[in-house]
Amino acid sequence: MGKKIPPFITQLQAEGTRADRLLIREETHLEAQKLANKMPTYPPDRMMYIKGLAQKALRKELDLEVFKLFIKMTNSWMELEACMPRVKMLERRRNA
C-alpha cells in the first residue's frame, strides 16, 4: 500500500498549472472587455443590453464568470438589480 496523496495536492493537480489559470483568467477578461465595449451609453439601451446578457447567462449561453467580470468592470450593479427579477420570471416561464 502506497502513501495517501493529500487532498490539497489532488485539487492543485486538477486545477492545472499557474500558466493554465492565468490563460483562463486572461481569456475571461478579454471576453468581458468585448462585451463592455459593445455596451450602449444611453441608459434605457444599457438596461436592455444588460438584461439580454443576464438572460444568456441564465441559459448558459454566456459564461457566468465572464458575466460577473463584465458587471464588475462596467459597475452595472444597479441595472442588474433592477432587471434581474424580470429576467428570472421570463426564464421560468420559458422553461415551463
C-alpha atoms as a PDB file:
ATOM      1  CA  MET A   1       0.000   0.000   0.000  1.00  0.00           C
ATOM      2  CA  GLY A   2       1.419   3.395  -1.051  1.00  0.00           C
ATOM      3  CA  LYS A   3       1.291   6.781   0.520  1.00  0.00           C
ATOM      4  CA  LYS A   4      -2.036   8.588   0.507  1.00  0.00           C
ATOM      5  CA  ILE A   5      -1.903  11.815  -1.508  1.00  0.00           C
ATOM      6  CA  PRO A   6      -3.167  14.831   0.479  1.00  0.00           C
ATOM      7  CA  PRO A   7      -6.444  16.306  -0.866  1.00  0.00           C
ATOM      8  CA  PHE A   8      -4.947  19.763  -1.478  1.00  0.00           C
ATOM      9  CA  ILE A   9      -2.339  18.226  -3.831  1.00  0.00           C
ATOM     10  CA  THR A  10      -5.060  16.469  -5.796  1.00  0.00           C
ATOM     11  CA  GLN A  11      -7.034  19.727  -6.026  1.00  0.00           C
ATOM     12  CA  LEU A  12      -3.978  21.636  -7.283  1.00  0.00           C
ATOM     13  CA  GLN A  13      -3.341  18.994  -9.929  1.00  0.00           C
ATOM     14  CA  ALA A  14      -6.974  19.116 -11.066  1.00  0.00           C
ATOM     15  CA  GLU A  15      -6.937  22.914 -11.367  1.00  0.00           C
ATOM     16  CA  GLY A  16      -3.920  22.840 -13.663  1.00  0.00           C
ATOM     17  CA  THR A  17      -0.757  24.857 -13.667  1.00  0.00           C
ATOM     18  CA  ARG A  18      -0.445  28.516 -12.835  1.00  0.00           C
ATOM     19  CA  ALA A  19       0.010  29.269 -16.539  1.00  0.00           C
ATOM     20  CA  ASP A  20      -3.288  27.489 -17.333  1.00  0.00           C
ATOM     21  CA  ARG A  21      -5.138  29.515 -14.716  1.00  0.00           C
ATOM     22  CA  LEU A  22      -3.605  32.774 -15.950  1.00  0.00           C
ATOM     23  CA  LEU A  23      -4.593  31.943 -19.532  1.00  0.00           C
ATOM     24  CA  ILE A  24      -8.176  31.223 -18.476  1.00  0.00           C
ATOM     25  CA  ARG A  25      -8.285  34.473 -16.474  1.00  0.00           C
ATOM     26  CA  GLU A  26      -6.930  36.425 -19.450  1.00  0.00           C
ATOM     27  CA  GLU A  27      -9.491  34.914 -21.845  1.00  0.00           C
ATOM     28  CA  THR A  28     -12.291  35.699 -19.383  1.00  0.00           C
ATOM     29  CA  HIS A  29     -11.075  39.286 -19.119  1.00  0.00           C
ATOM     30  CA  LEU A  30     -10.930  39.688 -22.915  1.00  0.00           C
ATOM     31  CA  GLU A  31     -14.480  38.329 -23.340  1.00  0.00           C
ATOM     32  CA  ALA A  32     -15.789  40.697 -20.658  1.00  0.00           C
ATOM     33  CA  GLN A  33     -13.939  43.607 -22.245  1.00  0.00           C
ATOM     34  CA  LYS A  34     -15.539  42.853 -25.638  1.00  0.00           C
ATOM     35  CA  LEU A  35     -18.984  42.900 -24.012  1.00  0.00           C
ATOM     36  CA  ALA A  36     -18.169  46.148 -22.217  1.00  0.00           C
ATOM     37  CA  ASN A  37     -17.022  47.783 -25.460  1.00  0.00           C
ATOM     38  CA  LYS A  38     -20.342  46.922 -27.137  1.00  0.00           C
ATOM     39  CA  MET A  39     -22.448  48.309 -24.275  1.00  0.00           C
ATOM     40  CA  PRO A  40     -24.540  51.360 -25.223  1.00  0.00           C
ATOM     41  CA  THR A  41     -24.286  54.570 -23.202  1.00  0.00           C
ATOM     42  CA  TYR A  42     -27.948  55.591 -23.341  1.00  0.00           C
ATOM     43  CA  PRO A  43     -29.495  54.323 -20.051  1.00  0.00           C
ATOM     44  CA  PRO A  44     -32.582  52.511 -21.446  1.00  0.00           C
ATOM     45  CA  ASP A  45     -30.476  50.791 -24.110  1.00  0.00           C
ATOM     46  CA  ARG A  46     -27.894  49.939 -21.468  1.00  0.00           C
ATOM     47  CA  MET A  47     -30.582  48.315 -19.333  1.00  0.00           C
ATOM     48  CA  MET A  48     -31.823  46.215 -22.261  1.00  0.00           C
ATOM     49  CA  TYR A  49     -28.266  45.151 -23.081  1.00  0.00           C
ATOM     50  CA  ILE A  50     -27.624  44.004 -19.507  1.00  0.00           C
ATOM     51  CA  LYS A  51     -30.993  42.246 -19.421  1.00  0.00           C
ATOM     52  CA  GLY A  52     -30.117  40.343 -22.590  1.00  0.00           C
ATOM     53  CA  LEU A  53     -26.739  39.310 -21.198  1.00  0.00           C
ATOM     54  CA  ALA A  54     -28.357  38.175 -17.946  1.00  0.00           C
ATOM     55  CA  GLN A  55     -30.770  36.002 -19.923  1.00  0.00           C
ATOM     56  CA  LYS A  56     -27.868  34.479 -21.866  1.00  0.00           C
ATOM     57  CA  ALA A  57     -26.010  33.793 -18.616  1.00  0.00           C
ATOM     58  CA  LEU A  58     -29.050  32.053 -17.116  1.00  0.00           C
ATOM     59  CA  ARG A  59     -29.444  29.942 -20.262  1.00  0.00           C
ATOM     60  CA  LYS A  60     -25.710  29.115 -20.057  1.00  0.00           C
ATOM     61  CA  GLU A  61     -25.071  30.669 -23.465  1.00  0.00           C
ATOM     62  CA  LEU A  62     -22.666  33.088 -21.775  1.00  0.00           C
ATOM     63  CA  ASP A  63     -20.081  32.015 -19.223  1.00  0.00           C
ATOM     64  CA  LEU A  64     -21.106  33.105 -15.730  1.00  0.00           C
ATOM     65  CA  GLU A  65     -17.572  34.210 -14.829  1.00  0.00           C
ATOM     66  CA  VAL A  66     -17.452  36.440 -17.926  1.00  0.00           C
ATOM     67  CA  PHE A  67     -20.810  37.961 -16.971  1.00  0.00           C
ATOM     68  CA  LYS A  68     -19.696  38.598 -13.375  1.00  0.00           C
ATOM     69  CA  LEU A  69     -16.499  40.268 -14.560  1.00  0.00           C
ATOM     70  CA  PHE A  70     -18.476  42.351 -17.077  1.00  0.00           C
ATOM     71  CA  ILE A  71     -20.755  43.626 -14.290  1.00  0.00           C
ATOM     72  CA  LYS A  72     -17.722  44.483 -12.136  1.00  0.00           C
ATOM     73  CA  MET A  73     -15.920  46.235 -14.999  1.00  0.00           C
ATOM     74  CA  THR A  74     -18.892  48.361 -16.002  1.00  0.00           C
ATOM     75  CA  ASN A  75     -20.154  48.939 -12.454  1.00  0.00           C
ATOM     76  CA  SER A  76     -23.661  47.902 -13.553  1.00  0.00           C
ATOM     77  CA  TRP A  77     -24.917  46.584 -10.214  1.00  0.00           C
ATOM     78  CA  MET A  78     -27.929  48.913 -10.119  1.00  0.00           C
ATOM     79  CA  GLU A  79     -29.083  47.951 -13.614  1.00  0.00           C
ATOM     80  CA  LEU A  80     -28.632  44.257 -12.845  1.00  0.00           C
ATOM     81  CA  GLU A  81     -30.649  44.507  -9.620  1.00  0.00           C
ATOM     82  CA  ALA A  82     -33.397  46.363 -11.480  1.00  0.00           C
ATOM     83  CA  CYS A  83     -33.776  43.865 -14.326  1.00  0.00           C
ATOM     84  CA  MET A  84     -32.949  40.540 -12.631  1.00  0.00           C
ATOM     85  CA  PRO A  85     -36.427  39.776 -11.185  1.00  0.00           C
ATOM     86  CA  ARG A  86     -37.994  40.146 -14.632  1.00  0.00           C
ATOM     87  CA  VAL A  87     -35.257  38.065 -16.268  1.00  0.00           C
ATOM     88  CA  LYS A  88     -35.773  35.242 -13.776  1.00  0.00           C
ATOM     89  CA  MET A  89     -39.542  35.347 -14.282  1.00  0.00           C
ATOM     90  CA  LEU A  90     -39.172  35.214 -18.073  1.00  0.00           C
ATOM     91  CA  GLU A  91     -36.737  32.301 -17.872  1.00  0.00           C
ATOM     92  CA  ARG A  92     -39.073  30.335 -15.578  1.00  0.00           C
ATOM     93  CA  ARG A  93     -41.949  30.962 -17.969  1.00  0.00           C
ATOM     94  CA  ARG A  94     -39.773  29.947 -20.933  1.00  0.00           C
ATOM     95  CA  ASN A  95     -38.721  26.686 -19.242  1.00  0.00           C
ATOM     96  CA  ALA A  96     -42.213  25.770 -18.046  1.00  0.00           C
END
